[in-house]
Protein backbone atom coordinates (compact mmCIF):
# COMPACT_ATOMS: atom_id res chain seq x y z
CA MET A 1 -23.31 -7.40 -26.28
CA LYS A 2 -20.12 -9.33 -25.70
CA ARG A 3 -17.01 -7.45 -26.77
CA SER A 4 -13.86 -9.49 -27.21
CA PHE A 5 -10.99 -10.10 -29.56
CA GLU A 6 -8.83 -13.11 -30.35
CA ILE A 7 -5.23 -13.30 -29.16
CA TYR A 8 -3.07 -14.87 -31.86
CA SER A 9 0.34 -14.82 -30.19
CA ASP A 10 2.11 -13.85 -27.00
CA CYS A 11 5.68 -13.46 -25.82
CA GLN A 12 5.68 -16.70 -23.78
CA ASP A 13 4.09 -18.83 -26.53
CA ILE A 14 1.13 -19.69 -24.31
CA ILE A 15 -1.19 -19.63 -27.33
CA LYS A 16 1.10 -22.10 -29.09
CA ARG A 17 1.10 -24.33 -26.01
CA PHE A 18 -2.70 -24.27 -25.90
CA LYS A 19 -2.69 -25.46 -29.52
CA GLU A 20 -0.34 -28.31 -28.51
CA ILE A 21 -2.89 -29.43 -25.92
CA ASP A 22 -5.78 -29.17 -28.40
CA LYS A 23 -5.52 -27.80 -31.93
CA ASP A 24 -9.03 -26.32 -31.63
CA TYR A 25 -8.25 -24.10 -28.63
CA PHE A 26 -8.18 -20.34 -29.08
CA VAL A 27 -7.96 -17.43 -26.64
CA LEU A 28 -10.15 -14.35 -26.52
CA TYR A 29 -9.70 -11.27 -24.39
CA ASN A 30 -13.09 -10.22 -23.03
CA LEU A 31 -13.16 -6.40 -22.88
CA ASP A 32 -16.26 -6.29 -20.67
CA ARG A 33 -14.95 -8.66 -18.00
CA LYS A 34 -11.29 -7.69 -18.57
CA CYS A 35 -10.08 -11.28 -18.64
CA PHE A 36 -8.73 -13.93 -20.96
CA GLU A 37 -11.04 -16.76 -22.00
CA LEU A 38 -10.16 -20.14 -23.41
CA HIS A 39 -12.45 -21.36 -26.21
CA ASN A 40 -12.57 -24.46 -28.40
CA HIS A 41 -13.76 -24.52 -32.02
CA ALA A 42 -14.71 -28.21 -31.71
CA GLN A 43 -17.48 -27.48 -29.19
CA LYS A 44 -20.91 -27.18 -30.75
CA GLU A 45 -22.94 -23.98 -30.29
CA ASP A 46 -20.81 -22.39 -27.55
CA THR A 47 -17.01 -22.42 -27.82
CA PHE A 48 -16.38 -21.14 -24.27
CA CYS A 49 -14.29 -23.42 -22.02
CA LEU A 50 -13.13 -21.32 -19.10
CA SER A 51 -12.14 -17.87 -17.90
CA LEU A 52 -8.49 -17.50 -17.02
CA PRO A 53 -8.30 -15.63 -13.69
CA PHE A 54 -4.87 -14.17 -14.37
CA PRO A 55 -4.00 -10.68 -15.63
CA TYR A 56 -1.43 -12.10 -18.08
CA LEU A 57 -1.07 -15.24 -20.15
CA ASP A 58 1.58 -17.32 -18.44
CA GLU A 59 2.32 -20.84 -17.18
CA ARG A 60 -0.58 -20.65 -14.71
CA ALA A 61 -3.04 -20.58 -17.63
CA ILE A 62 -1.57 -23.81 -19.00
CA ASP A 63 -1.61 -25.44 -15.55
CA LEU A 64 -5.25 -24.49 -14.99
CA THR A 65 -6.24 -25.74 -18.44
CA LEU A 66 -4.51 -29.09 -17.92
CA LYS A 67 -6.11 -29.39 -14.51
CA THR A 68 -9.62 -28.85 -15.88
CA LEU A 69 -9.51 -31.17 -18.89
CA SER A 70 -12.53 -33.46 -18.99
CA PHE A 71 -10.48 -36.66 -18.74
CA LYS A 72 -9.10 -35.38 -15.42
CA ARG A 73 -12.60 -34.68 -14.09
CA ASP A 74 -12.64 -37.46 -11.46
CA GLU A 75 -9.27 -36.38 -10.10
CA LEU A 76 -10.40 -32.75 -9.93
CA ILE A 77 -13.66 -33.65 -8.18
CA LYS A 78 -11.74 -35.70 -5.60
CA GLU A 79 -9.35 -32.79 -5.02
CA LEU A 80 -12.26 -30.35 -4.60
CA ASP A 81 -14.05 -32.70 -2.20
CA GLU A 82 -10.89 -33.06 -0.09
CA GLU A 83 -10.38 -29.30 0.02
CA ASN A 84 -14.04 -28.75 0.97
CA GLU A 85 -13.69 -31.31 3.76
CA ARG A 86 -10.58 -29.52 5.07
CA LEU A 87 -12.45 -26.20 5.01
CA VAL A 88 -15.44 -27.65 6.88
CA LYS A 89 -13.15 -29.13 9.55
CA ARG A 90 -11.26 -25.84 9.91
CA ARG A 91 -14.51 -23.88 10.19
CA THR A 92 -15.95 -26.36 12.70
CA ARG A 93 -12.81 -26.11 14.85
CA SER A 94 -13.01 -22.33 14.70
CA ILE A 95 -16.66 -22.32 15.80
CA LEU A 96 -15.97 -24.77 18.64
CA ASN A 97 -13.01 -22.68 19.80
CA ASP A 98 -15.17 -19.55 19.81
CA VAL A 99 -17.90 -21.31 21.83
CA GLU A 100 -15.35 -22.65 24.29
CA ALA A 101 -13.75 -19.21 24.71
CA ARG A 102 -17.16 -17.63 25.38
CA LEU A 103 -18.00 -20.32 27.96
CA TYR A 104 -14.80 -19.53 29.85
CA GLU A 105 -15.54 -15.82 29.74
CA SER A 106 -18.82 -16.30 31.62
């Protein structure tokens, strides 16, 4: 059973800023997962939007929310693809360096 409660206000007005982005947003604190979750009343069936991976509600929560809005989806996918490509290149270089080092050891 999911245990959570709604957060109605906070000292940095993050809840208010969520409402400025979308009037249907609301924030729950999930007691089981010990994290904040962003939800939207306008979504049918399931209101969940995303888990906020921060221990406190602050500017990072707003930044993450703005970054993950559906109309920014293409931009986010491009950014993720570029980061994945960088990681693959870095990992490939690391593997090649290891192989080269082992060849010289022999």
